[in-house]
Amino acid sequence: MVYWLGNQIVQWAKIPVPGTVVGMILLFVLLSAGIVKLEYVQVATDFLLKHMLFFFVPIAVGLMNWGGLFWNNGLILAAAIVFSALVPFFAVGHLGQKLSRSKKV
């Protein structure tokens, strides 16, 4: 129901966001507001979390088709991954320190 509603909102509002993302945000709001009880979704979420590894198998198999790209450009790709992981890490840390200093004043 929330999935369907998220897709309908995206089609109606013509926003460039996937309906699944809007549906997840809507589900979060409904859970936070207490409109939807956690017990209603607990069984499904437990099942999905328990079997989450299976969702990554198709991705890993698909990456095997790109083995040549990874072999030829592995160092560049690794550097890009590390850089793109570290930049937000340090940016959030810096922002957190600035915000914590401003609250002490």
Protein backbone atom coordinates (compact mmCIF):
# COMPACT_ATOMS: atom_id res chain seq x y z
CA MET A 1 0.00 0.00 0.00
CA VAL A 2 2.78 2.44 0.93
CA TYR A 3 4.75 1.41 -2.16
CA TRP A 4 1.73 2.09 -4.37
CA LEU A 5 1.06 5.42 -2.65
CA GLY A 6 4.69 6.48 -3.09
CA ASN A 7 4.49 5.77 -6.82
CA GLN A 8 1.19 7.65 -7.09
CA ILE A 9 2.66 10.69 -5.32
CA VAL A 10 5.63 10.73 -7.72
CA GLN A 11 3.35 10.48 -10.77
CA TRP A 12 0.98 13.15 -9.47
CA ALA A 13 3.66 15.61 -8.33
CA LYS A 14 5.99 14.82 -11.26
CA ILE A 15 9.04 14.87 -8.99
CA PRO A 16 12.32 13.33 -10.18
CA VAL A 17 12.54 10.87 -7.28
CA PRO A 18 11.79 7.14 -7.48
CA GLY A 19 8.45 6.15 -6.03
CA THR A 20 10.16 3.60 -3.83
CA VAL A 21 12.14 6.35 -2.09
CA VAL A 22 8.98 8.38 -1.51
CA GLY A 23 7.31 5.22 -0.21
CA MET A 24 10.15 4.59 2.26
CA ILE A 25 9.97 8.19 3.49
CA LEU A 26 6.21 7.86 3.84
CA LEU A 27 6.58 4.59 5.77
CA PHE A 28 9.14 6.23 8.06
CA VAL A 29 6.76 9.12 8.75
CA LEU A 30 3.87 6.73 9.41
CA LEU A 31 6.00 4.63 11.78
CA SER A 32 7.35 7.72 13.57
CA ALA A 33 3.87 9.16 14.01
CA GLY A 34 2.57 5.86 15.37
CA ILE A 35 -0.04 5.55 12.62
CA VAL A 36 1.53 2.28 11.49
CA LYS A 37 2.65 0.06 14.34
CA LEU A 38 6.03 -1.65 14.11
CA GLU A 39 4.35 -4.99 14.75
CA TYR A 40 2.49 -4.63 11.43
CA VAL A 41 5.72 -4.68 9.42
CA GLN A 42 7.97 -6.65 11.79
CA VAL A 43 7.49 -10.07 10.17
CA ALA A 44 8.26 -8.82 6.66
CA THR A 45 11.25 -6.74 7.74
CA ASP A 46 12.71 -9.59 9.78
CA PHE A 47 12.47 -11.88 6.76
CA LEU A 48 14.11 -9.32 4.44
CA LEU A 49 16.91 -8.57 6.89
CA LYS A 50 17.54 -12.27 7.49
CA HIS A 51 17.92 -12.91 3.75
CA MET A 52 19.56 -9.62 2.76
CA LEU A 53 22.68 -11.39 1.48
CA PHE A 54 20.66 -12.91 -1.36
CA PHE A 55 19.88 -9.42 -2.69
CA PHE A 56 23.60 -8.79 -3.26
CA VAL A 57 24.27 -12.00 -5.20
CA PRO A 58 22.89 -10.68 -8.54
CA ILE A 59 24.96 -7.52 -8.14
CA ALA A 60 28.13 -9.53 -7.50
CA VAL A 61 27.45 -11.79 -10.48
CA GLY A 62 26.82 -8.75 -12.65
CA LEU A 63 30.13 -7.24 -11.57
CA MET A 64 31.93 -10.34 -12.82
CA ASN A 65 31.03 -9.29 -16.37
CA TRP A 66 33.06 -6.13 -15.78
CA GLY A 67 36.21 -7.94 -14.62
CA GLY A 68 38.36 -6.45 -17.38
CA LEU A 69 37.39 -2.93 -16.41
CA PHE A 70 38.26 -3.59 -12.78
CA TRP A 71 41.55 -5.23 -13.73
CA ASN A 72 42.62 -2.37 -16.01
CA ASN A 73 41.35 0.51 -13.87
CA GLY A 74 41.34 -1.05 -10.41
CA LEU A 75 43.68 1.47 -8.80
CA ILE A 76 41.71 4.45 -10.13
CA LEU A 77 38.41 2.89 -9.06
CA ALA A 78 39.77 2.07 -5.59
CA ALA A 79 41.05 5.63 -5.19
CA ALA A 80 37.67 7.02 -6.27
CA ILE A 81 35.84 4.77 -3.80
CA VAL A 82 38.14 5.69 -0.92
CA PHE A 83 37.99 9.40 -1.77
CA SER A 84 34.19 9.40 -2.11
CA ALA A 85 33.91 7.63 1.26
CA LEU A 86 36.37 9.89 3.10
CA VAL A 87 35.08 13.27 1.88
CA PRO A 88 31.62 12.94 3.50
CA PHE A 89 33.23 11.37 6.58
CA PHE A 90 35.46 14.40 7.18
CA ALA A 91 32.80 16.90 6.08
CA VAL A 92 30.28 15.54 8.58
CA GLY A 93 32.94 15.42 11.30
CA HIS A 94 33.92 19.03 10.62
CA LEU A 95 30.28 20.13 10.58
CA GLY A 96 29.61 18.25 13.82
CA GLN A 97 32.52 19.97 15.53
CA LYS A 98 31.34 23.38 14.32
CA LEU A 99 27.81 22.74 15.54
CA SER A 100 28.99 21.46 18.92
CA ARG A 101 31.18 24.55 19.38
CA SER A 102 28.32 26.89 18.55
CA LYS A 103 26.09 25.26 21.20
CA LYS A 104 28.73 25.77 23.92
CA VAL A 105 28.73 29.56 23.46
